[in-house]
Amino acid sequence: MKKIEAIIRKSKFSAVKKALHEIGVNFFSYWDVTGLGNEKEGHVYRGISYSTSDIQRRYLSIVVNDDFEEKTIKAILEAGATGEIGDGKIFVSHIEEVYRIRTGEKGGQTLK
């Protein structure tokens, strides 16, 4: 099993969520986060432009069986990309074991 963590633009969340549902990834957690990066996001308030180094993003945490790893990453890459600096990052780590709290089951079948 793999844990896929992605930091994406908030504006791309709907597209990424749809892409994940289309490949069968129907459960994941997400948070609104603020970070610092190479992108400088500009804002306009009452006709005055100003820049801030705090960038609003969405953080996704997804656990999938090994056979869904590549499909999940591809869906995020395709749906989340704009081609500009600040599109985000994807991190992949190995999950040793997973348990379903309700039944006590363990293993990959708990992700279905």
PDB file of N, CA and C in Angstrom:
ATOM      1  N   MET A   1       0.834  -1.178   0.000  1.00  0.00           N
ATOM      2  CA  MET A   1       0.000   0.000   0.000  1.00  0.00           C
ATOM      3  C   MET A   1       0.876   1.237   0.000  1.00  0.00           C
ATOM      4  N   LYS A   2       0.336   2.303  -0.583  1.00  0.00           N
ATOM      5  CA  LYS A   2       1.072   3.553  -0.675  1.00  0.00           C
ATOM      6  C   LYS A   2       0.230   4.697  -0.124  1.00  0.00           C
ATOM      7  N   LYS A   3       0.917   5.650   0.482  1.00  0.00           N
ATOM      8  CA  LYS A   3       0.277   6.890   0.901  1.00  0.00           C
ATOM      9  C   LYS A   3       0.745   7.963  -0.066  1.00  0.00           C
ATOM     10  N   ILE A   4      -0.203   8.591  -0.715  1.00  0.00           N
ATOM     11  CA  ILE A   4       0.094   9.647  -1.675  1.00  0.00           C
ATOM     12  C   ILE A   4      -0.392  10.950  -1.065  1.00  0.00           C
ATOM     13  N   GLU A   5       0.541  11.869  -0.882  1.00  0.00           N
ATOM     14  CA  GLU A   5       0.211  13.177  -0.348  1.00  0.00           C
ATOM     15  C   GLU A   5       0.478  14.191  -1.448  1.00  0.00           C
ATOM     16  N   ALA A   6      -0.486  15.045  -1.698  1.00  0.00           N
ATOM     17  CA  ALA A   6      -0.348  16.029  -2.763  1.00  0.00           C
ATOM     18  C   ALA A   6      -0.706  17.407  -2.229  1.00  0.00           C
ATOM     19  N   ILE A   7       0.089  18.379  -2.621  1.00  0.00           N
ATOM     20  CA  ILE A   7      -0.210  19.773  -2.331  1.00  0.00           C
ATOM     21  C   ILE A   7      -0.506  20.409  -3.680  1.00  0.00           C
ATOM     22  N   ILE A   8      -1.747  20.883  -3.845  1.00  0.00           N
ATOM     23  CA  ILE A   8      -2.184  21.398  -5.142  1.00  0.00           C
ATOM     24  C   ILE A   8      -2.784  22.797  -4.991  1.00  0.00           C
ATOM     25  N   ARG A   9      -2.980  23.460  -6.113  1.00  0.00           N
ATOM     26  CA  ARG A   9      -3.675  24.746  -6.125  1.00  0.00           C
ATOM     27  C   ARG A   9      -5.126  24.522  -5.710  1.00  0.00           C
ATOM     28  N   LYS A  10      -5.657  25.438  -4.907  1.00  0.00           N
ATOM     29  CA  LYS A  10      -7.065  25.322  -4.511  1.00  0.00           C
ATOM     30  C   LYS A  10      -7.979  25.382  -5.729  1.00  0.00           C
ATOM     31  N   SER A  11      -7.581  26.144  -6.728  1.00  0.00           N
ATOM     32  CA  SER A  11      -8.407  26.297  -7.928  1.00  0.00           C
ATOM     33  C   SER A  11      -8.489  25.006  -8.749  1.00  0.00           C
ATOM     34  N   LYS A  12      -7.586  24.059  -8.522  1.00  0.00           N
ATOM     35  CA  LYS A  12      -7.576  22.797  -9.262  1.00  0.00           C
ATOM     36  C   LYS A  12      -8.201  21.649  -8.479  1.00  0.00           C
ATOM     37  N   PHE A  13      -8.676  21.921  -7.256  1.00  0.00           N
ATOM     38  CA  PHE A  13      -9.186  20.845  -6.405  1.00  0.00           C
ATOM     39  C   PHE A  13     -10.366  20.109  -7.046  1.00  0.00           C
ATOM     40  N   SER A  14     -11.328  20.828  -7.598  1.00  0.00           N
ATOM     41  CA  SER A  14     -12.499  20.171  -8.197  1.00  0.00           C
ATOM     42  C   SER A  14     -12.092  19.246  -9.337  1.00  0.00           C
ATOM     43  N   ALA A  15     -11.165  19.695 -10.176  1.00  0.00           N
ATOM     44  CA  ALA A  15     -10.709  18.866 -11.292  1.00  0.00           C
ATOM     45  C   ALA A  15      -9.969  17.628 -10.795  1.00  0.00           C
ATOM     46  N   VAL A  16      -9.137  17.793  -9.775  1.00  0.00           N
ATOM     47  CA  VAL A  16      -8.396  16.652  -9.222  1.00  0.00           C
ATOM     48  C   VAL A  16      -9.363  15.669  -8.560  1.00  0.00           C
ATOM     49  N   LYS A  17     -10.303  16.184  -7.799  1.00  0.00           N
ATOM     50  CA  LYS A  17     -11.297  15.316  -7.133  1.00  0.00           C
ATOM     51  C   LYS A  17     -12.081  14.513  -8.170  1.00  0.00           C
ATOM     52  N   LYS A  18     -12.509  15.162  -9.240  1.00  0.00           N
ATOM     53  CA  LYS A  18     -13.243  14.473 -10.308  1.00  0.00           C
ATOM     54  C   LYS A  18     -12.376  13.397 -10.958  1.00  0.00           C
ATOM     55  N   ALA A  19     -11.115  13.728 -11.244  1.00  0.00           N
ATOM     56  CA  ALA A  19     -10.197  12.757 -11.860  1.00  0.00           C
ATOM     57  C   ALA A  19      -9.977  11.550 -10.954  1.00  0.00           C
ATOM     58  N   LEU A  20      -9.859  11.785  -9.654  1.00  0.00           N
ATOM     59  CA  LEU A  20      -9.689  10.678  -8.708  1.00  0.00           C
ATOM     60  C   LEU A  20     -10.929   9.796  -8.658  1.00  0.00           C
ATOM     61  N   HIS A  21     -12.119  10.404  -8.639  1.00  0.00           N
ATOM     62  CA  HIS A  21     -13.355   9.618  -8.631  1.00  0.00           C
ATOM     63  C   HIS A  21     -13.489   8.792  -9.908  1.00  0.00           C
ATOM     64  N   GLU A  22     -13.062   9.348 -11.038  1.00  0.00           N
ATOM     65  CA  GLU A  22     -13.169   8.633 -12.312  1.00  0.00           C
ATOM     66  C   GLU A  22     -12.311   7.375 -12.352  1.00  0.00           C
ATOM     67  N   ILE A  23     -11.200   7.349 -11.623  1.00  0.00           N
ATOM     68  CA  ILE A  23     -10.353   6.141 -11.619  1.00  0.00           C
ATOM     69  C   ILE A  23     -10.688   5.204 -10.465  1.00  0.00           C
ATOM     70  N   GLY A  24     -11.656   5.582  -9.615  1.00  0.00           N
ATOM     71  CA  GLY A  24     -12.076   4.708  -8.527  1.00  0.00           C
ATOM     72  C   GLY A  24     -11.496   5.025  -7.171  1.00  0.00           C
ATOM     73  N   VAL A  25     -10.852   6.174  -7.021  1.00  0.00           N
ATOM     74  CA  VAL A  25     -10.369   6.601  -5.712  1.00  0.00           C
ATOM     75  C   VAL A  25     -11.469   7.475  -5.118  1.00  0.00           C
ATOM     76  N   ASN A  26     -12.262   6.877  -4.229  1.00  0.00           N
ATOM     77  CA  ASN A  26     -13.444   7.561  -3.709  1.00  0.00           C
ATOM     78  C   ASN A  26     -13.298   8.028  -2.273  1.00  0.00           C
ATOM     79  N   PHE A  27     -12.162   7.712  -1.638  1.00  0.00           N
ATOM     80  CA  PHE A  27     -11.963   8.143  -0.256  1.00  0.00           C
ATOM     81  C   PHE A  27     -10.588   8.759  -0.111  1.00  0.00           C
ATOM     82  N   PHE A  28     -10.573   9.982   0.385  1.00  0.00           N
ATOM     83  CA  PHE A  28      -9.318  10.640   0.748  1.00  0.00           C
ATOM     84  C   PHE A  28      -9.646  11.796   1.670  1.00  0.00           C
ATOM     85  N   SER A  29      -8.643  12.272   2.358  1.00  0.00           N
ATOM     86  CA  SER A  29      -8.801  13.412   3.257  1.00  0.00           C
ATOM     87  C   SER A  29      -8.105  14.615   2.634  1.00  0.00           C
ATOM     88  N   TYR A  30      -8.589  15.805   2.988  1.00  0.00           N
ATOM     89  CA  TYR A  30      -7.930  17.011   2.496  1.00  0.00           C
ATOM     90  C   TYR A  30      -8.069  18.140   3.501  1.00  0.00           C
ATOM     91  N   TRP A  31      -7.122  19.060   3.422  1.00  0.00           N
ATOM     92  CA  TRP A  31      -7.085  20.213   4.305  1.00  0.00           C
ATOM     93  C   TRP A  31      -6.717  21.448   3.490  1.00  0.00           C
ATOM     94  N   ASP A  32      -7.190  22.598   3.926  1.00  0.00           N
ATOM     95  CA  ASP A  32      -6.707  23.860   3.393  1.00  0.00           C
ATOM     96  C   ASP A  32      -5.447  24.216   4.161  1.00  0.00           C
ATOM     97  N   VAL A  33      -4.381  24.535   3.433  1.00  0.00           N
ATOM     98  CA  VAL A  33      -3.097  24.842   4.052  1.00  0.00           C
ATOM     99  C   VAL A  33      -2.529  26.121   3.443  1.00  0.00           C
ATOM    100  N   THR A  34      -1.603  26.717   4.153  1.00  0.00           N
ATOM    101  CA  THR A  34      -0.877  27.874   3.663  1.00  0.00           C
ATOM    102  C   THR A  34       0.596  27.533   3.675  1.00  0.00           C
ATOM    103  N   GLY A  35       1.288  27.899   2.618  1.00  0.00           N
ATOM    104  CA  GLY A  35       2.699  27.572   2.546  1.00  0.00           C
ATOM    105  C   GLY A  35       3.506  28.675   1.908  1.00  0.00           C
ATOM    106  N   LEU A  36       4.787  28.445   1.889  1.00  0.00           N
ATOM    107  CA  LEU A  36       5.720  29.350   1.240  1.00  0.00           C
ATOM    108  C   LEU A  36       6.384  28.588   0.109  1.00  0.00           C
ATOM    109  N   GLY A  37       6.643  29.271  -0.993  1.00  0.00           N
ATOM    110  CA  GLY A  37       7.278  28.596  -2.109  1.00  0.00           C
ATOM    111  C   GLY A  37       7.916  29.593  -3.046  1.00  0.00           C
ATOM    112  N   ASN A  38       8.243  29.124  -4.229  1.00  0.00           N
ATOM    113  CA  ASN A  38       8.882  29.979  -5.226  1.00  0.00           C
ATOM    114  C   ASN A  38       7.901  30.933  -5.894  1.00  0.00           C
ATOM    115  N   GLU A  39       6.618  30.574  -5.871  1.00  0.00           N
ATOM    116  CA  GLU A  39       5.608  31.417  -6.495  1.00  0.00           C
ATOM    117  C   GLU A  39       5.299  32.603  -5.596  1.00  0.00           C
ATOM    118  N   LYS A  40       5.129  33.742  -6.198  1.00  0.00           N
ATOM    119  CA  LYS A  40       4.666  34.924  -5.476  1.00  0.00           C
ATOM    120  C   LYS A  40       3.279  35.240  -6.005  1.00  0.00           C
ATOM    121  N   GLU A  41       2.285  35.012  -5.192  1.00  0.00           N
ATOM    122  CA  GLU A  41       0.912  35.209  -5.603  1.00  0.00           C
ATOM    123  C   GLU A  41       0.538  36.674  -5.464  1.00  0.00           C
ATOM    124  N   GLY A  42       0.012  37.237  -6.503  1.00  0.00           N
ATOM    125  CA  GLY A  42      -0.362  38.649  -6.466  1.00  0.00           C
ATOM    126  C   GLY A  42      -1.829  38.838  -6.151  1.00  0.00           C
ATOM    127  N   HIS A  43      -2.172  39.918  -5.474  1.00  0.00           N
ATOM    128  CA  HIS A  43      -3.557  40.247  -5.140  1.00  0.00           C
ATOM    129  C   HIS A  43      -3.831  41.681  -5.573  1.00  0.00           C
ATOM    130  N   VAL A  44      -5.082  41.939  -5.898  1.00  0.00           N
ATOM    131  CA  VAL A  44      -5.498  43.302  -6.223  1.00  0.00           C
ATOM    132  C   VAL A  44      -6.613  43.675  -5.268  1.00  0.00           C
ATOM    133  N   TYR A  45      -6.448  44.793  -4.587  1.00  0.00           N
ATOM    134  CA  TYR A  45      -7.462  45.288  -3.662  1.00  0.00           C
ATOM    135  C   TYR A  45      -7.699  46.754  -3.976  1.00  0.00           C
ATOM    136  N   ARG A  46      -8.922  47.063  -4.366  1.00  0.00           N
ATOM    137  CA  ARG A  46      -9.295  48.433  -4.731  1.00  0.00           C
ATOM    138  C   ARG A  46      -8.342  49.030  -5.765  1.00  0.00           C
ATOM    139  N   GLY A  47      -8.008  48.216  -6.751  1.00  0.00           N
ATOM    140  CA  GLY A  47      -7.176  48.685  -7.848  1.00  0.00           C
ATOM    141  C   GLY A  47      -5.689  48.740  -7.559  1.00  0.00           C
ATOM    142  N   ILE A  48      -5.281  48.357  -6.357  1.00  0.00           N
ATOM    143  CA  ILE A  48      -3.863  48.390  -5.997  1.00  0.00           C
ATOM    144  C   ILE A  48      -3.343  46.961  -5.950  1.00  0.00           C
ATOM    145  N   SER A  49      -2.275  46.690  -6.702  1.00  0.00           N
ATOM    146  CA  SER A  49      -1.649  45.364  -6.728  1.00  0.00           C
ATOM    147  C   SER A  49      -0.647  45.232  -5.598  1.00  0.00           C
ATOM    148  N   TYR A  50      -0.686  44.108  -4.922  1.00  0.00           N
ATOM    149  CA  TYR A  50       0.338  43.823  -3.928  1.00  0.00           C
ATOM    150  C   TYR A  50       0.628  42.334  -3.928  1.00  0.00           C
ATOM    151  N   SER A  51       1.779  41.955  -3.416  1.00  0.00           N
ATOM    152  CA  SER A  51       2.240  40.574  -3.437  1.00  0.00           C
ATOM    153  C   SER A  51       2.342  40.047  -2.010  1.00  0.00           C
ATOM    154  N   THR A  52       2.112  38.762  -1.868  1.00  0.00           N
ATOM    155  CA  THR A  52       2.258  38.126  -0.562  1.00  0.00           C
ATOM    156  C   THR A  52       3.028  36.829  -0.731  1.00  0.00           C
ATOM    157  N   SER A  53       3.771  36.437   0.263  1.00  0.00           N
ATOM    158  CA  SER A  53       4.519  35.187   0.164  1.00  0.00           C
ATOM    159  C   SER A  53       3.717  34.008   0.722  1.00  0.00           C
ATOM    160  N   ASP A  54       2.573  34.263   1.353  1.00  0.00           N
ATOM    161  CA  ASP A  54       1.719  33.189   1.848  1.00  0.00           C
ATOM    162  C   ASP A  54       0.820  32.711   0.712  1.00  0.00           C
ATOM    163  N   ILE A  55       0.918  31.430   0.380  1.00  0.00           N
ATOM    164  CA  ILE A  55       0.200  30.878  -0.761  1.00  0.00           C
ATOM    165  C   ILE A  55      -0.815  29.846  -0.257  1.00  0.00           C
ATOM    166  N   GLN A  56      -2.072  30.020  -0.648  1.00  0.00           N
ATOM    167  CA  GLN A  56      -3.147  29.110  -0.242  1.00  0.00           C
ATOM    168  C   GLN A  56      -3.129  27.867  -1.135  1.00  0.00           C
ATOM    169  N   ARG A  57      -3.149  26.696  -0.515  1.00  0.00           N
ATOM    170  CA  ARG A  57      -3.134  25.421  -1.231  1.00  0.00           C
ATOM    171  C   ARG A  57      -4.106  24.445  -0.567  1.00  0.00           C
ATOM    172  N   ARG A  58      -4.293  23.310  -1.209  1.00  0.00           N
ATOM    173  CA  ARG A  58      -5.073  22.225  -0.640  1.00  0.00           C
ATOM    174  C   ARG A  58      -4.146  21.021  -0.536  1.00  0.00           C
ATOM    175  N   TYR A  59      -4.181  20.357   0.620  1.00  0.00           N
ATOM    176  CA  TYR A  59      -3.327  19.207   0.925  1.00  0.00           C
ATOM    177  C   TYR A  59      -4.205  17.959   0.906  1.00  0.00           C
ATOM    178  N   LEU A  60      -3.872  16.984   0.064  1.00  0.00           N
ATOM    179  CA  LEU A  60      -4.630  15.743  -0.046  1.00  0.00           C
ATOM    180  C   LEU A  60      -3.816  14.594   0.521  1.00  0.00           C
ATOM    181  N   SER A  61      -4.473  13.712   1.241  1.00  0.00           N
ATOM    182  CA  SER A  61      -3.851  12.508   1.776  1.00  0.00           C
ATOM    183  C   SER A  61      -4.673  11.314   1.298  1.00  0.00           C
ATOM    184  N   ILE A  62      -4.028  10.444   0.512  1.00  0.00           N
ATOM    185  CA  ILE A  62      -4.720   9.332  -0.127  1.00  0.00           C
ATOM    186  C   ILE A  62      -3.926   8.058   0.132  1.00  0.00           C
ATOM    187  N   VAL A  63      -4.591   7.001   0.588  1.00  0.00           N
ATOM    188  CA  VAL A  63      -3.944   5.698   0.750  1.00  0.00           C
ATOM    189  C   VAL A  63      -4.575   4.749  -0.257  1.00  0.00           C
ATOM    190  N   VAL A  64      -3.723   4.117  -1.090  1.00  0.00           N
ATOM    191  CA  VAL A  64      -4.206   3.229  -2.147  1.00  0.00           C
ATOM    192  C   VAL A  64      -3.405   1.933  -2.133  1.00  0.00           C
ATOM    193  N   ASN A  65      -4.005   0.889  -2.708  1.00  0.00           N
ATOM    194  CA  ASN A  65      -3.262  -0.350  -2.926  1.00  0.00           C
ATOM    195  C   ASN A  65      -2.206  -0.093  -3.994  1.00  0.00           C
ATOM    196  N   ASP A  66      -1.167  -0.912  -4.003  1.00  0.00           N
ATOM    197  CA  ASP A  66      -0.040  -0.714  -4.919  1.00  0.00           C
ATOM    198  C   ASP A  66      -0.471  -0.598  -6.379  1.00  0.00           C
ATOM    199  N   ASP A  67      -1.505  -1.354  -6.782  1.00  0.00           N
ATOM    200  CA  ASP A  67      -1.920  -1.325  -8.187  1.00  0.00           C
ATOM    201  C   ASP A  67      -2.615  -0.017  -8.574  1.00  0.00           C
ATOM    202  N   PHE A  68      -2.970   0.819  -7.606  1.00  0.00           N
ATOM    203  CA  PHE A  68      -3.591   2.116  -7.890  1.00  0.00           C
ATOM    204  C   PHE A  68      -2.600   3.270  -7.806  1.00  0.00           C
ATOM    205  N   GLU A  69      -1.369   3.006  -7.416  1.00  0.00           N
ATOM    206  CA  GLU A  69      -0.394   4.083  -7.226  1.00  0.00           C
ATOM    207  C   GLU A  69      -0.193   4.912  -8.490  1.00  0.00           C
ATOM    208  N   GLU A  70       0.168   4.270  -9.587  1.00  0.00           N
ATOM    209  CA  GLU A  70       0.469   4.999 -10.827  1.00  0.00           C
ATOM    210  C   GLU A  70      -0.759   5.730 -11.360  1.00  0.00           C
ATOM    211  N   LYS A  71      -1.935   5.059 -11.314  1.00  0.00           N
ATOM    212  CA  LYS A  71      -3.164   5.694 -11.807  1.00  0.00           C
ATOM    213  C   LYS A  71      -3.494   6.940 -11.002  1.00  0.00           C
ATOM    214  N   THR A  72      -3.293   6.859  -9.691  1.00  0.00           N
ATOM    215  CA  THR A  72      -3.603   7.983  -8.813  1.00  0.00           C
ATOM    216  C   THR A  72      -2.671   9.160  -9.083  1.00  0.00           C
ATOM    217  N   ILE A  73      -1.393   8.872  -9.201  1.00  0.00           N
ATOM    218  CA  ILE A  73      -0.415   9.927  -9.474  1.00  0.00           C
ATOM    219  C   ILE A  73      -0.694  10.572 -10.829  1.00  0.00           C
ATOM    220  N   LYS A  74      -0.970   9.758 -11.839  1.00  0.00           N
ATOM    221  CA  LYS A  74      -1.259  10.281 -13.180  1.00  0.00           C
ATOM    222  C   LYS A  74      -2.490  11.181 -13.160  1.00  0.00           C
ATOM    223  N   ALA A  75      -3.529  10.781 -12.438  1.00  0.00           N
ATOM    224  CA  ALA A  75      -4.748  11.586 -12.366  1.00  0.00           C
ATOM    225  C   ALA A  75      -4.472  12.944 -11.730  1.00  0.00           C
ATOM    226  N   ILE A  76      -3.688  12.961 -10.661  1.00  0.00           N
ATOM    227  CA  ILE A  76      -3.361  14.224  -9.990  1.00  0.00           C
ATOM    228  C   ILE A  76      -2.502  15.098 -10.901  1.00  0.00           C
ATOM    229  N   LEU A  77      -1.500  14.505 -11.541  1.00  0.00           N
ATOM    230  CA  LEU A  77      -0.616  15.269 -12.429  1.00  0.00           C
ATOM    231  C   LEU A  77      -1.389  15.907 -13.577  1.00  0.00           C
ATOM    232  N   GLU A  78      -2.266  15.130 -14.204  1.00  0.00           N
ATOM    233  CA  GLU A  78      -3.004  15.648 -15.358  1.00  0.00           C
ATOM    234  C   GLU A  78      -4.049  16.685 -14.967  1.00  0.00           C
ATOM    235  N   ALA A  79      -4.779  16.429 -13.892  1.00  0.00           N
ATOM    236  CA  ALA A  79      -5.858  17.345 -13.505  1.00  0.00           C
ATOM    237  C   ALA A  79      -5.353  18.566 -12.743  1.00  0.00           C
ATOM    238  N   GLY A  80      -4.197  18.445 -12.093  1.00  0.00           N
ATOM    239  CA  GLY A  80      -3.711  19.526 -11.251  1.00  0.00           C
ATOM    240  C   GLY A  80      -2.722  20.470 -11.898  1.00  0.00           C
ATOM    241  N   ALA A  81      -2.294  20.163 -13.113  1.00  0.00           N
ATOM    242  CA  ALA A  81      -1.242  20.958 -13.745  1.00  0.00           C
ATOM    243  C   ALA A  81      -1.797  22.163 -14.497  1.00  0.00           C
ATOM    244  N   THR A  82      -1.098  23.282 -14.347  1.00  0.00           N
ATOM    245  CA  THR A  82      -1.357  24.464 -15.178  1.00  0.00           C
ATOM    246  C   THR A  82      -0.136  24.771 -16.025  1.00  0.00           C
ATOM    247  N   GLY A  83       1.001  24.181 -15.677  1.00  0.00           N
ATOM    248  CA  GLY A  83       2.238  24.453 -16.379  1.00  0.00           C
ATOM    249  C   GLY A  83       2.997  25.639 -15.821  1.00  0.00           C
ATOM    250  N   GLU A  84       2.479  26.226 -14.748  1.00  0.00           N
ATOM    251  CA  GLU A  84       3.107  27.392 -14.135  1.00  0.00           C
ATOM    252  C   GLU A  84       3.780  27.003 -12.816  1.00  0.00           C
ATOM    253  N   ILE A  85       4.705  27.841 -12.373  1.00  0.00           N
ATOM    254  CA  ILE A  85       5.312  27.653 -11.057  1.00  0.00           C
ATOM    255  C   ILE A  85       4.207  27.672 -10.011  1.00  0.00           C
ATOM    256  N   GLY A  86       4.272  26.755  -9.057  1.00  0.00           N
ATOM    257  CA  GLY A  86       3.287  26.731  -7.980  1.00  0.00           C
ATOM    258  C   GLY A  86       2.197  25.696  -8.137  1.00  0.00           C
ATOM    259  N   ASP A  87       2.341  24.784  -9.121  1.00  0.00           N
ATOM    260  CA  ASP A  87       1.332  23.735  -9.299  1.00  0.00           C
ATOM    261  C   ASP A  87       1.302  22.756  -8.140  1.00  0.00           C
ATOM    262  N   GLY A  88       2.397  22.617  -7.405  1.00  0.00           N
ATOM    263  CA  GLY A  88       2.398  21.767  -6.220  1.00  0.00           C
ATOM    264  C   GLY A  88       3.382  20.628  -6.292  1.00  0.00           C
ATOM    265  N   LYS A  89       3.216  19.696  -5.357  1.00  0.00           N
ATOM    266  CA  LYS A  89       4.104  18.542  -5.224  1.00  0.00           C
ATOM    267  C   LYS A  89       3.278  17.311  -4.877  1.00  0.00           C
ATOM    268  N   ILE A  90       3.846  16.141  -5.203  1.00  0.00           N
ATOM    269  CA  ILE A  90       3.271  14.854  -4.809  1.00  0.00           C
ATOM    270  C   ILE A  90       4.357  14.074  -4.079  1.00  0.00           C
ATOM    271  N   PHE A  91       3.998  13.520  -2.920  1.00  0.00           N
ATOM    272  CA  PHE A  91       4.920  12.710  -2.124  1.00  0.00           C
ATOM    273  C   PHE A  91       4.324  11.314  -1.985  1.00  0.00           C
ATOM    274  N   VAL A  92       5.154  10.282  -2.144  1.00  0.00           N
ATOM    275  CA  VAL A  92       4.689   8.903  -2.047  1.00  0.00           C
ATOM    276  C   VAL A  92       5.502   8.189  -0.973  1.00  0.00           C
ATOM    277  N   SER A  93       4.798   7.522  -0.073  1.00  0.00           N
ATOM    278  CA  SER A  93       5.478   6.736   0.960  1.00  0.00           C
ATOM    279  C   SER A  93       4.791   5.381   1.102  1.00  0.00           C
ATOM    280  N   HIS A  94       5.514   4.448   1.673  1.00  0.00           N
ATOM    281  CA  HIS A  94       5.010   3.083   1.854  1.00  0.00           C
ATOM    282  C   HIS A  94       4.221   2.991   3.159  1.00  0.00           C
ATOM    283  N   ILE A  95       3.099   2.290   3.116  1.00  0.00           N
ATOM    284  CA  ILE A  95       2.271   2.038   4.302  1.00  0.00           C
ATOM    285  C   ILE A  95       2.451   0.574   4.695  1.00  0.00           C
ATOM    286  N   GLU A  96       2.880   0.342   5.911  1.00  0.00           N
ATOM    287  CA  GLU A  96       3.117  -1.024   6.387  1.00  0.00           C
ATOM    288  C   GLU A  96       1.821  -1.813   6.569  1.00  0.00           C
ATOM    289  N   GLU A  97       0.826  -1.197   7.184  1.00  0.00           N
ATOM    290  CA  GLU A  97      -0.419  -1.909   7.476  1.00  0.00           C
ATOM    291  C   GLU A  97      -1.546  -0.908   7.665  1.00  0.00           C
ATOM    292  N   VAL A  98      -2.760  -1.363   7.413  1.00  0.00           N
ATOM    293  CA  VAL A  98      -3.951  -0.541   7.629  1.00  0.00           C
ATOM    294  C   VAL A  98      -5.008  -1.419   8.299  1.00  0.00           C
ATOM    295  N   TYR A  99      -5.755  -0.814   9.203  1.00  0.00           N
ATOM    296  CA  TYR A  99      -6.812  -1.518   9.932  1.00  0.00           C
ATOM    297  C   TYR A  99      -8.125  -0.773   9.774  1.00  0.00           C
ATOM    298  N   ARG A 100      -9.219  -1.523   9.642  1.00  0.00           N
ATOM    299  CA  ARG A 100     -10.553  -0.930   9.662  1.00  0.00           C
ATOM    300  C   ARG A 100     -11.025  -0.970  11.115  1.00  0.00           C
ATOM    301  N   ILE A 101     -11.274   0.172  11.672  1.00  0.00           N
ATOM    302  CA  ILE A 101     -11.622   0.276  13.088  1.00  0.00           C
ATOM    303  C   ILE A 101     -12.919  -0.465  13.409  1.00  0.00           C
ATOM    304  N   ARG A 102     -13.923  -0.322  12.563  1.00  0.00           N
ATOM    305  CA  ARG A 102     -15.232  -0.912  12.836  1.00  0.00           C
ATOM    306  C   ARG A 102     -15.175  -2.421  13.010  1.00  0.00           C
ATOM    307  N   THR A 103     -14.420  -3.132  12.135  1.00  0.00           N
ATOM    308  CA  THR A 103     -14.435  -4.591  12.134  1.00  0.00           C
ATOM    309  C   THR A 103     -13.136  -5.224  12.627  1.00  0.00           C
ATOM    310  N   GLY A 104     -12.077  -4.440  12.681  1.00  0.00           N
ATOM    311  CA  GLY A 104     -10.778  -4.980  13.063  1.00  0.00           C
ATOM    312  C   GLY A 104     -10.033  -5.626  11.907  1.00  0.00           C
ATOM    313  N   GLU A 105     -10.631  -5.621  10.696  1.00  0.00           N
ATOM    314  CA  GLU A 105      -9.951  -6.170   9.521  1.00  0.00           C
ATOM    315  C   GLU A 105      -8.642  -5.440   9.295  1.00  0.00           C
ATOM    316  N   LYS A 106      -7.702  -6.131   8.635  1.00  0.00           N
ATOM    317  CA  LYS A 106      -6.468  -5.456   8.281  1.00  0.00           C
ATOM    318  C   LYS A 106      -6.084  -5.837   6.860  1.00  0.00           C
ATOM    319  N   GLY A 107      -5.226  -5.017   6.263  1.00  0.00           N
ATOM    320  CA  GLY A 107      -4.746  -5.294   4.927  1.00  0.00           C
ATOM    321  C   GLY A 107      -5.418  -4.451   3.865  1.00  0.00           C
ATOM    322  N   GLY A 108      -5.039  -4.709   2.627  1.00  0.00           N
ATOM    323  CA  GLY A 108      -5.491  -3.927   1.492  1.00  0.00           C
ATOM    324  C   GLY A 108      -6.976  -3.936   1.241  1.00  0.00           C
ATOM    325  N   GLN A 109      -7.675  -4.997   1.627  1.00  0.00           N
ATOM    326  CA  GLN A 109      -9.121  -5.054   1.395  1.00  0.00           C
ATOM    327  C   GLN A 109      -9.879  -3.998   2.205  1.00  0.00           C
ATOM    328  N   THR A 110      -9.251  -3.440   3.231  1.00  0.00           N
ATOM    329  CA  THR A 110      -9.922  -2.409   4.025  1.00  0.00           C
ATOM    330  C   THR A 110     -10.038  -1.092   3.264  1.00  0.00           C
ATOM    331  N   LEU A 111      -9.311  -0.951   2.158  1.00  0.00           N
ATOM    332  CA  LEU A 111      -9.367   0.277   1.368  1.00  0.00           C
ATOM    333  C   LEU A 111     -10.499   0.266   0.349  1.00  0.00           C
ATOM    334  N   LYS A 112     -11.231  -0.813   0.266  1.00  0.00           N
ATOM    335  CA  LYS A 112     -12.322  -0.925  -0.716  1.00  0.00           C
ATOM    336  C   LYS A 112     -13.652  -0.619  -0.084  1.00  0.00           C
TER     337      LYS A 112
END
